[in-house]
Amino acid sequence: DLNKLFVALKNNNLIADDTDSVSFLSAFNGVEISKIYKKIKWIGTKNLCVYFIYQLLQKKLVEEEKMWSQLEHLFIDKNGRPMKGGADKKNKMVSQEIPYPNGSIKIDSILNLI
């Protein structure tokens, strides 16, 4: 359930407290990007955000076709910068060029709740 996911990410300090639930839910419900006005501020590392999206894809909770472009348009880092290059980072994780990020176990635990 996306609402449980939203609350768990907030409670685990992975998304900012001022993240709007409507924006978050819209991002994962296939709402057209141009209709989502408030960005989701990811407080964790960029690699952890990429890992989070990758795990959503693995669990078939989102569609890959749109997810990486949505990541870049809807998520910003804690400094307000867009999350660019998510697909490349994911490919490097999958091919083990880079390790899974610190905090990946926390993401796994959160996703096991939903």
N, C-alpha and C. Protein backbone atom coordinates (compact mmCIF):
# COMPACT_ATOMS: atom_id res chain seq x y z
N ASP A 1 0.84 -1.19 0.00
CA ASP A 1 0.00 0.00 0.00
C ASP A 1 0.88 1.24 0.00
N LEU A 2 0.63 2.13 -0.94
CA LEU A 2 1.49 3.31 -1.10
C LEU A 2 1.42 4.25 0.09
N ASN A 3 0.29 4.30 0.76
CA ASN A 3 0.19 5.17 1.92
C ASN A 3 1.11 4.69 3.05
N LYS A 4 1.17 3.37 3.27
CA LYS A 4 2.08 2.80 4.27
C LYS A 4 3.52 3.10 3.89
N LEU A 5 3.81 3.00 2.60
CA LEU A 5 5.16 3.27 2.11
C LEU A 5 5.54 4.72 2.38
N PHE A 6 4.63 5.63 2.09
CA PHE A 6 4.85 7.06 2.33
C PHE A 6 5.18 7.32 3.80
N VAL A 7 4.36 6.77 4.69
CA VAL A 7 4.56 6.98 6.13
C VAL A 7 5.89 6.36 6.58
N ALA A 8 6.19 5.16 6.10
CA ALA A 8 7.44 4.49 6.51
C ALA A 8 8.67 5.27 6.03
N LEU A 9 8.63 5.80 4.82
CA LEU A 9 9.77 6.59 4.32
C LEU A 9 9.96 7.85 5.15
N LYS A 10 8.86 8.48 5.53
CA LYS A 10 8.95 9.67 6.38
C LYS A 10 9.49 9.31 7.77
N ASN A 11 8.93 8.25 8.34
CA ASN A 11 9.33 7.84 9.70
C ASN A 11 10.80 7.42 9.76
N ASN A 12 11.33 6.95 8.64
CA ASN A 12 12.73 6.53 8.59
C ASN A 12 13.66 7.62 8.04
N ASN A 13 13.16 8.84 7.99
CA ASN A 13 13.93 10.00 7.55
C ASN A 13 14.55 9.81 6.17
N LEU A 14 13.78 9.24 5.26
CA LEU A 14 14.26 9.09 3.88
C LEU A 14 13.65 10.12 2.95
N ILE A 15 12.45 10.60 3.29
CA ILE A 15 11.87 11.73 2.57
C ILE A 15 11.57 12.83 3.58
N ALA A 16 11.59 14.07 3.11
CA ALA A 16 11.43 15.22 4.00
C ALA A 16 10.04 15.24 4.65
N ASP A 17 9.99 15.79 5.86
CA ASP A 17 8.73 15.90 6.60
C ASP A 17 7.68 16.69 5.84
N ASP A 18 8.11 17.67 5.05
CA ASP A 18 7.13 18.50 4.34
C ASP A 18 6.71 17.90 2.99
N THR A 19 7.09 16.65 2.74
CA THR A 19 6.67 15.99 1.51
C THR A 19 5.16 15.80 1.54
N ASP A 20 4.53 16.20 0.47
CA ASP A 20 3.09 16.16 0.32
C ASP A 20 2.65 14.75 -0.08
N SER A 21 1.71 14.17 0.67
CA SER A 21 1.27 12.81 0.37
C SER A 21 0.62 12.71 -1.01
N VAL A 22 -0.09 13.75 -1.44
CA VAL A 22 -0.73 13.73 -2.75
C VAL A 22 0.32 13.64 -3.85
N SER A 23 1.39 14.41 -3.73
CA SER A 23 2.48 14.36 -4.72
C SER A 23 3.13 12.99 -4.73
N PHE A 24 3.39 12.46 -3.54
CA PHE A 24 4.03 11.15 -3.43
C PHE A 24 3.17 10.07 -4.07
N LEU A 25 1.91 10.01 -3.69
CA LEU A 25 1.01 8.99 -4.22
C LEU A 25 0.82 9.14 -5.72
N SER A 26 0.74 10.39 -6.19
CA SER A 26 0.59 10.64 -7.62
C SER A 26 1.80 10.14 -8.40
N ALA A 27 2.98 10.29 -7.83
CA ALA A 27 4.21 9.87 -8.50
C ALA A 27 4.21 8.38 -8.81
N PHE A 28 3.54 7.60 -7.98
CA PHE A 28 3.55 6.15 -8.14
C PHE A 28 2.23 5.59 -8.67
N ASN A 29 1.29 6.46 -8.94
CA ASN A 29 0.00 6.01 -9.46
C ASN A 29 -0.19 6.33 -10.93
N GLY A 30 0.88 6.69 -11.62
CA GLY A 30 0.80 6.92 -13.05
C GLY A 30 0.23 8.27 -13.45
N VAL A 31 0.13 9.21 -12.51
CA VAL A 31 -0.34 10.55 -12.85
C VAL A 31 0.70 11.20 -13.75
N GLU A 32 0.23 11.92 -14.75
CA GLU A 32 1.13 12.58 -15.70
C GLU A 32 2.07 13.53 -14.94
N ILE A 33 3.35 13.46 -15.27
CA ILE A 33 4.38 14.22 -14.56
C ILE A 33 4.05 15.71 -14.50
N SER A 34 3.55 16.26 -15.60
CA SER A 34 3.28 17.71 -15.65
C SER A 34 2.18 18.14 -14.68
N LYS A 35 1.40 17.18 -14.18
CA LYS A 35 0.32 17.52 -13.25
C LYS A 35 0.76 17.42 -11.79
N ILE A 36 1.99 17.01 -11.55
CA ILE A 36 2.51 16.91 -10.18
C ILE A 36 3.42 18.12 -9.97
N TYR A 37 3.00 18.99 -9.07
CA TYR A 37 3.69 20.28 -8.92
C TYR A 37 4.73 20.30 -7.82
N LYS A 38 4.53 19.51 -6.77
CA LYS A 38 5.48 19.54 -5.65
C LYS A 38 6.42 18.35 -5.75
N LYS A 39 7.70 18.62 -5.68
CA LYS A 39 8.72 17.57 -5.76
C LYS A 39 8.82 16.80 -4.44
N ILE A 40 9.34 15.58 -4.55
CA ILE A 40 9.58 14.74 -3.38
C ILE A 40 11.05 14.92 -3.00
N LYS A 41 11.28 15.44 -1.80
CA LYS A 41 12.66 15.67 -1.35
C LYS A 41 13.17 14.42 -0.64
N TRP A 42 14.15 13.77 -1.28
CA TRP A 42 14.77 12.57 -0.73
C TRP A 42 15.93 13.00 0.15
N ILE A 43 15.90 12.59 1.42
CA ILE A 43 16.92 13.02 2.38
C ILE A 43 18.12 12.08 2.37
N GLY A 44 17.90 10.80 2.04
CA GLY A 44 18.99 9.84 1.98
C GLY A 44 19.91 10.12 0.79
N THR A 45 20.87 9.27 0.57
CA THR A 45 21.80 9.45 -0.54
C THR A 45 21.09 9.18 -1.87
N LYS A 46 21.68 9.71 -2.94
CA LYS A 46 21.12 9.47 -4.27
C LYS A 46 21.13 7.98 -4.59
N ASN A 47 22.22 7.30 -4.26
CA ASN A 47 22.30 5.87 -4.54
C ASN A 47 21.21 5.10 -3.79
N LEU A 48 20.87 5.55 -2.60
CA LEU A 48 19.81 4.88 -1.84
C LEU A 48 18.45 5.11 -2.50
N CYS A 49 18.24 6.30 -3.05
CA CYS A 49 17.00 6.59 -3.78
C CYS A 49 16.91 5.69 -5.02
N VAL A 50 18.01 5.55 -5.73
CA VAL A 50 18.04 4.68 -6.90
C VAL A 50 17.75 3.24 -6.48
N TYR A 51 18.36 2.80 -5.38
CA TYR A 51 18.13 1.45 -4.88
C TYR A 51 16.64 1.27 -4.54
N PHE A 52 16.05 2.27 -3.91
CA PHE A 52 14.63 2.23 -3.56
C PHE A 52 13.78 2.02 -4.81
N ILE A 53 14.01 2.82 -5.84
CA ILE A 53 13.24 2.69 -7.08
C ILE A 53 13.50 1.32 -7.72
N TYR A 54 14.74 0.90 -7.73
CA TYR A 54 15.08 -0.41 -8.29
C TYR A 54 14.31 -1.53 -7.58
N GLN A 55 14.22 -1.45 -6.27
CA GLN A 55 13.49 -2.48 -5.52
C GLN A 55 11.99 -2.42 -5.81
N LEU A 56 11.46 -1.22 -6.01
CA LEU A 56 10.05 -1.11 -6.41
C LEU A 56 9.82 -1.80 -7.75
N LEU A 57 10.78 -1.64 -8.65
CA LEU A 57 10.69 -2.29 -9.96
C LEU A 57 10.77 -3.80 -9.82
N GLN A 58 11.68 -4.27 -8.98
CA GLN A 58 11.86 -5.71 -8.76
C GLN A 58 10.57 -6.35 -8.22
N LYS A 59 9.88 -5.60 -7.36
CA LYS A 59 8.65 -6.11 -6.76
C LYS A 59 7.43 -5.83 -7.64
N LYS A 60 7.68 -5.29 -8.82
CA LYS A 60 6.61 -4.98 -9.79
C LYS A 60 5.59 -3.99 -9.23
N LEU A 61 6.06 -3.08 -8.37
CA LEU A 61 5.17 -2.06 -7.81
C LEU A 61 5.10 -0.82 -8.70
N VAL A 62 6.05 -0.70 -9.62
CA VAL A 62 6.05 0.38 -10.61
C VAL A 62 6.54 -0.19 -11.94
N GLU A 63 6.30 0.56 -13.02
CA GLU A 63 6.73 0.14 -14.35
C GLU A 63 8.03 0.83 -14.71
N GLU A 64 9.00 0.06 -15.18
CA GLU A 64 10.32 0.62 -15.48
C GLU A 64 10.29 1.65 -16.59
N GLU A 65 9.41 1.43 -17.55
CA GLU A 65 9.36 2.31 -18.72
C GLU A 65 9.31 3.79 -18.33
N LYS A 66 8.53 4.11 -17.32
CA LYS A 66 8.35 5.51 -16.92
C LYS A 66 9.14 5.91 -15.69
N MET A 67 9.55 4.94 -14.90
CA MET A 67 10.05 5.26 -13.57
C MET A 67 11.31 6.09 -13.55
N TRP A 68 12.26 5.84 -14.44
CA TRP A 68 13.51 6.60 -14.35
C TRP A 68 13.32 8.04 -14.77
N SER A 69 12.48 8.30 -15.75
CA SER A 69 12.21 9.70 -16.11
C SER A 69 11.43 10.37 -14.99
N GLN A 70 10.53 9.63 -14.34
CA GLN A 70 9.79 10.22 -13.23
C GLN A 70 10.72 10.50 -12.06
N LEU A 71 11.66 9.62 -11.81
CA LEU A 71 12.63 9.85 -10.74
C LEU A 71 13.33 11.19 -10.94
N GLU A 72 13.77 11.43 -12.16
CA GLU A 72 14.51 12.65 -12.45
C GLU A 72 13.63 13.90 -12.37
N HIS A 73 12.35 13.77 -12.66
CA HIS A 73 11.45 14.92 -12.63
C HIS A 73 10.80 15.15 -11.27
N LEU A 74 10.62 14.10 -10.50
CA LEU A 74 9.84 14.23 -9.27
C LEU A 74 10.64 14.21 -7.98
N PHE A 75 11.80 13.59 -7.99
CA PHE A 75 12.62 13.53 -6.78
C PHE A 75 13.73 14.58 -6.85
N ILE A 76 13.95 15.24 -5.72
CA ILE A 76 15.10 16.14 -5.59
C ILE A 76 15.89 15.68 -4.38
N ASP A 77 17.19 16.03 -4.38
CA ASP A 77 18.00 15.66 -3.23
C ASP A 77 17.79 16.67 -2.10
N LYS A 78 18.46 16.44 -0.99
CA LYS A 78 18.25 17.31 0.18
C LYS A 78 18.69 18.75 -0.07
N ASN A 79 19.47 18.96 -1.13
CA ASN A 79 19.89 20.32 -1.50
C ASN A 79 19.02 20.93 -2.59
N GLY A 80 17.96 20.21 -2.99
CA GLY A 80 17.03 20.73 -3.98
C GLY A 80 17.41 20.46 -5.42
N ARG A 81 18.45 19.65 -5.63
CA ARG A 81 18.89 19.34 -7.01
C ARG A 81 18.16 18.10 -7.54
N PRO A 82 17.88 18.09 -8.85
CA PRO A 82 17.20 16.92 -9.43
C PRO A 82 18.06 15.66 -9.34
N MET A 83 17.40 14.52 -9.28
CA MET A 83 18.08 13.22 -9.21
C MET A 83 18.32 12.72 -10.64
N LYS A 84 19.42 13.10 -11.22
CA LYS A 84 19.73 12.73 -12.60
C LYS A 84 20.56 11.45 -12.64
N GLY A 85 20.43 10.70 -13.74
CA GLY A 85 21.27 9.53 -13.96
C GLY A 85 20.89 8.29 -13.18
N GLY A 86 19.63 8.19 -12.77
CA GLY A 86 19.19 7.05 -11.98
C GLY A 86 19.34 5.71 -12.69
N ALA A 87 19.00 5.68 -13.97
CA ALA A 87 19.08 4.41 -14.72
C ALA A 87 20.52 3.92 -14.79
N ASP A 88 21.47 4.85 -15.00
CA ASP A 88 22.89 4.47 -15.05
C ASP A 88 23.36 3.90 -13.71
N LYS A 89 22.97 4.58 -12.63
CA LYS A 89 23.36 4.10 -11.29
C LYS A 89 22.77 2.71 -11.03
N LYS A 90 21.52 2.51 -11.43
CA LYS A 90 20.87 1.21 -11.24
C LYS A 90 21.62 0.13 -12.01
N ASN A 91 22.00 0.42 -13.25
CA ASN A 91 22.73 -0.56 -14.06
C ASN A 91 24.06 -0.92 -13.42
N LYS A 92 24.72 0.06 -12.81
CA LYS A 92 26.00 -0.21 -12.15
C LYS A 92 25.80 -1.06 -10.89
N MET A 93 24.68 -0.85 -10.20
CA MET A 93 24.40 -1.69 -9.03
C MET A 93 24.12 -3.13 -9.46
N VAL A 94 23.32 -3.28 -10.49
CA VAL A 94 22.96 -4.61 -10.97
C VAL A 94 24.19 -5.37 -11.46
N SER A 95 25.08 -4.67 -12.16
CA SER A 95 26.29 -5.33 -12.67
C SER A 95 27.39 -5.41 -11.62
N GLN A 96 27.10 -4.92 -10.43
CA GLN A 96 28.01 -4.93 -9.28
C GLN A 96 29.26 -4.09 -9.49
N GLU A 97 29.18 -3.08 -10.39
CA GLU A 97 30.28 -2.12 -10.51
C GLU A 97 30.35 -1.25 -9.27
N ILE A 98 29.17 -0.98 -8.68
CA ILE A 98 29.12 -0.26 -7.41
C ILE A 98 28.28 -1.11 -6.44
N PRO A 99 28.60 -1.05 -5.16
CA PRO A 99 27.85 -1.87 -4.19
C PRO A 99 26.49 -1.26 -3.89
N TYR A 100 25.61 -2.07 -3.33
CA TYR A 100 24.35 -1.51 -2.83
C TYR A 100 24.70 -0.49 -1.76
N PRO A 101 23.94 0.59 -1.68
CA PRO A 101 24.30 1.67 -0.74
C PRO A 101 24.02 1.31 0.72
N ASN A 102 24.69 2.05 1.61
CA ASN A 102 24.37 1.94 3.03
C ASN A 102 22.90 2.30 3.19
N GLY A 103 22.20 1.57 3.99
CA GLY A 103 20.77 1.83 4.18
C GLY A 103 19.88 0.95 3.33
N SER A 104 20.49 0.13 2.47
CA SER A 104 19.67 -0.72 1.60
C SER A 104 18.84 -1.72 2.42
N ILE A 105 19.36 -2.15 3.56
CA ILE A 105 18.62 -3.08 4.41
C ILE A 105 17.36 -2.39 4.97
N LYS A 106 17.49 -1.10 5.27
CA LYS A 106 16.34 -0.33 5.76
C LYS A 106 15.25 -0.27 4.68
N ILE A 107 15.66 -0.03 3.44
CA ILE A 107 14.71 -0.01 2.32
C ILE A 107 14.03 -1.37 2.19
N ASP A 108 14.81 -2.43 2.24
CA ASP A 108 14.25 -3.78 2.14
C ASP A 108 13.21 -4.02 3.23
N SER A 109 13.51 -3.59 4.46
CA SER A 109 12.58 -3.77 5.59
C SER A 109 11.28 -3.00 5.35
N ILE A 110 11.41 -1.78 4.86
CA ILE A 110 10.22 -0.95 4.58
C ILE A 110 9.36 -1.62 3.52
N LEU A 111 9.99 -2.08 2.45
CA LEU A 111 9.23 -2.68 1.34
C LEU A 111 8.60 -4.01 1.74
N ASN A 112 9.18 -4.69 2.71
CA ASN A 112 8.57 -5.93 3.19
C ASN A 112 7.28 -5.69 3.96
N LEU A 113 7.08 -4.44 4.41
CA LEU A 113 5.86 -4.09 5.14
C LEU A 113 4.65 -3.95 4.21
N ILE A 114 4.92 -3.67 2.93
CA ILE A 114 3.79 -3.41 2.04
C ILE A 114 3.52 -4.57 1.11
